[in-house]
Protein backbone atom coordinates (compact mmCIF):
# COMPACT_ATOMS: atom_id res chain seq x y z
CA MET A 1 0.02 0.00 0.01
CA GLY A 2 1.29 3.45 -0.82
CA ALA A 3 1.52 6.26 1.73
CA GLU A 4 -1.58 8.40 2.23
CA LEU A 5 -1.42 11.75 0.41
CA THR A 6 -1.94 14.79 2.59
CA THR A 7 -2.33 18.47 1.57
CA ASP A 8 -0.66 21.27 3.53
CA TRP A 9 -2.91 24.19 2.62
CA ARG A 10 -1.24 26.59 4.99
CA GLY A 11 2.14 25.92 3.50
CA SER A 12 0.81 26.26 -0.03
CA VAL A 13 -0.74 29.65 0.65
CA SER A 14 2.33 30.89 2.44
CA SER A 15 4.51 29.78 -0.46
CA ALA A 16 2.28 31.53 -2.99
CA LEU A 17 2.33 34.76 -1.07
CA GLU A 18 6.10 34.63 -0.84
CA TRP A 19 6.28 34.09 -4.60
CA TRP A 20 4.09 37.15 -5.32
CA ALA A 21 6.08 39.24 -2.84
CA ASP A 22 9.31 38.27 -4.55
CA ALA A 23 7.66 39.32 -7.85
CA GLY A 24 6.98 42.84 -6.42
CA VAL A 25 3.25 42.47 -5.89
CA ASP A 26 2.57 43.79 -2.41
CA THR A 27 -1.01 45.12 -2.72
CA LEU A 28 -4.34 43.58 -3.35
CA ALA A 29 -5.48 43.35 -6.99
CA ALA A 30 -9.01 44.20 -8.15
CA ASP A 31 -11.06 43.02 -11.10
CA GLU A 32 -11.38 46.55 -12.54
CA PRO A 33 -8.32 48.26 -14.17
CA ARG A 34 -6.71 51.02 -12.15
CA ASP A 35 -4.59 54.00 -13.21
CA TRP A 36 -1.66 53.61 -10.81
CA LEU A 37 -0.17 56.98 -11.97
CA ALA A 38 -3.27 59.05 -11.13
CA PRO A 39 -3.09 61.26 -8.00
CA PRO A 40 -5.01 59.92 -5.06
CA VAL A 41 -8.57 61.18 -4.64
CA VAL A 42 -9.12 62.70 -1.21
CA LYS A 43 -12.72 62.44 -0.07
CA ARG A 44 -13.83 65.40 1.91
CA GLU A 45 -16.93 65.64 4.03
CA ALA A 46 -19.47 68.07 2.63
CA ALA A 47 -19.35 71.36 4.55
CA ALA A 48 -22.47 72.11 6.50
CA ALA A 49 -24.55 74.89 4.95
CA PRO A 50 -24.08 78.15 6.87
CA ALA A 51 -26.96 79.00 9.06
CA VAL A 52 -29.08 81.81 7.66
CA ALA A 53 -29.63 84.47 10.27
CA GLU A 54 -33.19 85.59 10.65
CA PRO A 55 -33.61 89.35 10.27
CA VAL A 56 -33.94 90.95 13.66
CA GLU A 57 -36.20 93.99 13.94
CA GLU A 58 -34.51 96.73 15.91
CA LYS A 59 -36.21 97.40 19.21
CA LEU A 60 -36.44 101.12 19.75
CA PRO A 61 -37.60 103.07 22.85
CA GLU A 62 -41.34 103.51 22.81
CA THR A 63 -41.55 106.92 24.49
CA LEU A 64 -40.23 110.14 23.00
CA GLU A 65 -38.19 111.00 26.06
CA ALA A 66 -36.46 107.59 26.10
CA PHE A 67 -35.97 107.69 22.32
CA LEU A 68 -34.32 111.10 22.33
CA GLU A 69 -31.99 109.97 25.14
CA TRP A 70 -31.05 106.87 23.13
CA ARG A 71 -30.73 108.91 19.96
CA LEU A 72 -27.98 111.01 21.50
CA GLY A 73 -26.26 108.07 23.25
CA GLU A 74 -23.48 105.77 22.34
CA ALA A 75 -25.77 103.31 20.52
CA ALA A 76 -26.74 105.88 17.90
CA PRO A 77 -25.41 105.42 14.34
CA GLU A 78 -23.58 108.80 14.60
CA ALA A 79 -21.77 107.98 17.84
CA ASP A 80 -18.42 107.55 16.04
CA TRP A 81 -18.72 110.44 13.61
CA MET A 82 -16.37 112.62 15.67
CA SER A 83 -18.63 115.69 15.52
CA PRO A 84 -21.04 117.31 17.96
CA ARG A 85 -24.41 115.60 18.37
CA VAL A 86 -27.28 118.12 18.33
CA GLY A 87 -30.59 116.94 19.61
CA PRO A 88 -34.14 117.88 18.61
CA ALA A 89 -35.91 120.79 20.26
CA GLY A 90 -39.45 122.04 20.77
CA PRO A 91 -42.70 120.75 22.28
CA ALA A 92 -43.31 117.00 22.14
CA ASP A 93 -46.99 117.63 21.30
CA SER A 94 -46.45 120.22 18.58
CA THR A 95 -48.82 120.05 15.61
CA LEU A 96 -45.97 121.02 13.25
CA MET A 97 -42.75 118.99 13.10
CA ILE A 98 -39.83 120.17 11.01
CA LEU A 99 -37.16 117.75 9.80
CA THR A 100 -33.84 118.93 8.44
CA ASP A 101 -31.05 116.76 7.14
CA MET A 102 -28.23 117.40 9.65
CA PRO A 103 -26.75 120.06 11.91
CA GLU A 104 -25.07 122.98 10.22
CA ALA A 105 -21.25 123.17 10.30
CA ASP A 106 -21.23 125.51 13.29
CA ASP A 107 -24.23 124.03 15.18
CA GLU A 108 -23.49 122.84 18.70
CA ALA A 109 -26.25 123.73 21.08
CA ALA A 110 -29.19 123.86 18.65
CA LEU A 111 -30.12 122.98 15.07
CA LEU A 112 -30.18 125.50 12.24
CA GLY A 113 -27.81 128.20 13.40
CA GLY A 114 -26.04 130.88 11.39
CA ALA A 115 -27.43 132.54 8.28
CA ALA A 116 -29.59 129.51 7.38
CA GLY A 117 -31.10 129.60 10.81
CA ARG A 118 -31.97 133.30 10.59
CA LEU A 119 -33.75 132.68 7.30
CA PHE A 120 -35.55 129.73 8.87
CA ASP A 121 -36.73 131.88 11.76
CA ARG A 122 -38.20 134.43 9.34
CA MET A 123 -39.98 131.68 7.45
CA LEU A 124 -41.56 130.41 10.69
CA ALA A 125 -42.64 133.91 11.69
CA ALA A 126 -44.29 134.39 8.29
CA ILE A 127 -46.69 131.47 9.02
CA GLY A 128 -47.26 132.43 12.64
CA GLU A 129 -44.85 129.92 14.17
CA SER A 130 -41.56 130.03 16.09
CA ARG A 131 -38.97 127.62 17.36
CA ASP A 132 -40.87 127.45 20.66
CA SER A 133 -44.04 126.19 18.91
CA VAL A 134 -42.56 123.58 16.50
CA HIS A 135 -40.74 120.29 17.07
CA LEU A 136 -37.43 120.62 15.19
CA ALA A 137 -35.35 117.48 14.49
CA SER A 138 -32.79 116.23 12.00
CA LEU A 139 -32.32 113.04 10.01
CA ALA A 140 -28.75 112.78 11.37
CA VAL A 141 -28.05 114.16 14.83
CA ALA A 142 -24.37 114.83 13.88
CA ARG A 143 -22.79 116.31 10.80
CA PRO A 144 -20.76 113.74 8.78
CA ILE A 145 -17.39 114.59 7.31
CA GLY A 146 -17.94 116.25 3.96
CA GLY A 147 -21.50 117.23 4.83
CA ARG A 148 -23.07 114.18 3.20
CA ILE A 149 -24.88 111.32 4.94
CA PRO A 150 -23.04 108.05 4.32
CA PRO A 151 -25.12 105.98 1.86
CA GLU A 152 -24.62 102.79 3.94
CA GLN A 153 -26.27 104.44 6.93
CA GLU A 154 -29.03 106.33 5.23
CA ALA A 155 -31.66 103.57 5.43
CA ARG A 156 -31.25 103.19 9.21
CA LEU A 157 -31.39 106.95 9.77
CA ILE A 158 -34.59 107.11 7.73
CA SER A 159 -36.05 104.32 9.85
CA LEU A 160 -35.16 106.19 13.03
CA ALA A 161 -36.66 109.40 11.67
CA LEU A 162 -39.94 107.60 10.90
CA HIS A 163 -40.01 106.25 14.43
CA HIS A 164 -39.42 109.77 15.73
CA ILE A 165 -42.30 111.15 13.62
CA ALA A 166 -44.62 108.40 14.91
CA LEU A 167 -43.74 109.25 18.53
CA VAL A 168 -44.46 112.97 17.99
CA SER A 169 -47.46 112.27 15.75
CA PRO A 170 -47.67 115.79 14.36
CA ALA A 171 -50.59 116.93 12.17
CA LYS A 172 -48.09 118.46 9.72
CA LEU A 173 -44.51 117.75 8.71
CA LEU A 174 -42.21 120.20 6.91
CA VAL A 175 -39.10 118.61 5.42
CA LEU A 176 -36.10 120.82 4.59
CA GLY A 177 -33.96 119.63 1.70
CA GLN A 178 -33.78 116.67 -0.66
CA SER A 179 -31.76 114.45 1.69
CA ALA A 180 -34.44 114.58 4.34
CA GLU A 181 -37.17 114.19 1.67
CA ARG A 182 -36.29 110.51 1.45
CA VAL A 183 -38.12 110.09 4.75
CA ILE A 184 -41.36 111.11 2.99
CA GLU A 185 -40.59 108.71 0.12
CA ALA A 186 -39.95 105.85 2.53
CA ALA A 187 -43.18 106.53 4.38
CA GLY A 188 -45.19 106.26 1.20
CA GLY A 189 -48.75 107.48 1.39
CA SER A 190 -50.95 109.23 -1.15
CA ALA A 191 -50.37 112.65 -2.64
CA SER A 192 -53.12 115.29 -3.06
CA LEU A 193 -53.52 117.36 -6.20
CA ASN A 194 -51.78 120.25 -4.52
CA GLY A 195 -48.70 118.19 -3.65
CA ILE A 196 -49.24 117.54 0.04
CA ARG A 197 -48.33 113.92 0.96
CA ASP A 198 -50.49 112.03 3.42
CA ILE A 199 -48.10 109.70 5.27
CA LYS A 200 -49.33 107.05 7.65
CA HIS A 201 -47.50 105.82 10.77
CA SER A 202 -48.31 104.14 14.04
CA GLY A 203 -49.31 107.47 15.55
CA GLY A 204 -51.84 108.31 12.84
CA ASN A 205 -51.68 110.44 9.67
CA THR A 206 -49.48 113.43 8.92
CA ASP A 207 -49.62 115.94 6.03
CA ALA A 208 -46.08 116.48 4.71
CA VAL A 209 -44.41 118.73 2.18
CA MET A 210 -40.79 119.36 1.24
CA ILE A 211 -39.12 122.67 0.50
CA ARG A 212 -35.54 123.51 -0.36
CA HIS A 213 -33.24 123.85 2.60
CA PRO A 214 -32.63 127.41 3.83
CA ARG A 215 -28.91 127.09 3.05
CA PHE A 216 -29.90 126.34 -0.56
CA LEU A 217 -32.35 129.24 -0.67
CA LEU A 218 -29.54 131.59 0.40
CA GLU A 219 -27.52 130.48 -2.62
CA ARG A 220 -30.45 130.42 -5.03
CA PRO A 221 -32.82 133.29 -4.14
CA ALA A 222 -34.94 132.60 -7.21
CA VAL A 223 -36.21 129.35 -5.62
CA LYS A 224 -37.63 131.19 -2.58
CA ALA A 225 -40.96 131.84 -4.32
CA ASP A 226 -41.64 128.11 -4.72
CA ALA A 227 -40.61 127.43 -1.16
CA TRP A 228 -42.96 130.15 0.03
CA ARG A 229 -45.90 128.61 -1.89
CA GLN A 230 -45.23 125.20 -0.38
CA LEU A 231 -44.88 126.65 3.07
CA LEU A 232 -48.23 128.48 2.81
CA LEU A 233 -49.81 125.28 1.43
CA LEU A 234 -48.80 123.29 4.44
CA SER A 235 -49.75 126.06 6.83
CA ARG A 236 -53.27 126.56 5.38
CA GLY A 237 -54.06 122.94 4.74
CA THR A 238 -55.15 120.76 1.86
CA SER A 239 -58.38 122.71 1.25
CA GLN A 240 -56.49 125.67 -0.21
């Protein structure tokens, strides 16, 4: 009888692996062809989508006294403008509110000083008003460098001015100059045939008109006639 044949599988596998190692094959082979010269592909995890911040409505003081204190404080947009901040003046319950664009170059204690202020005082006297009877405010409480409101801050200043108007809730609003006129545009409202704008706010309705700023009228006297007509129109009401 011959010797029984036995198979050493472990030895056979070990021998085969040694043979392939000697041949230079030291990685696993796959059924699909592979470009061994291609750069390795690094898989990166998908970045999480940035969270979208919900718009936050600015919470403003709800009384005129608190608002004016905040308006001249360090949280105001003009706090870092490096120029004097000049606050509003006049009765809180005035039926006529006047909005200018910004303090004049030499204003410190009150709005509308100098030659422009003297013309403004004469205009008020002509319609039976004075600084003591009107609420005078400005779109910007400080004068920016160059005398122009920064475009990137204009929208917020307009929003603050509209809040101010709502707190005073005047029957009539006189706006001085084209820069401040944007407040009327932002408020919307209907326009009567004579040009008076009816703007609506949380405090009610206000009749509003715009005239050229007194500083412009000093430079262009020919425009005074149109400003006078608009001033009388607002003073006498929409029935005229």
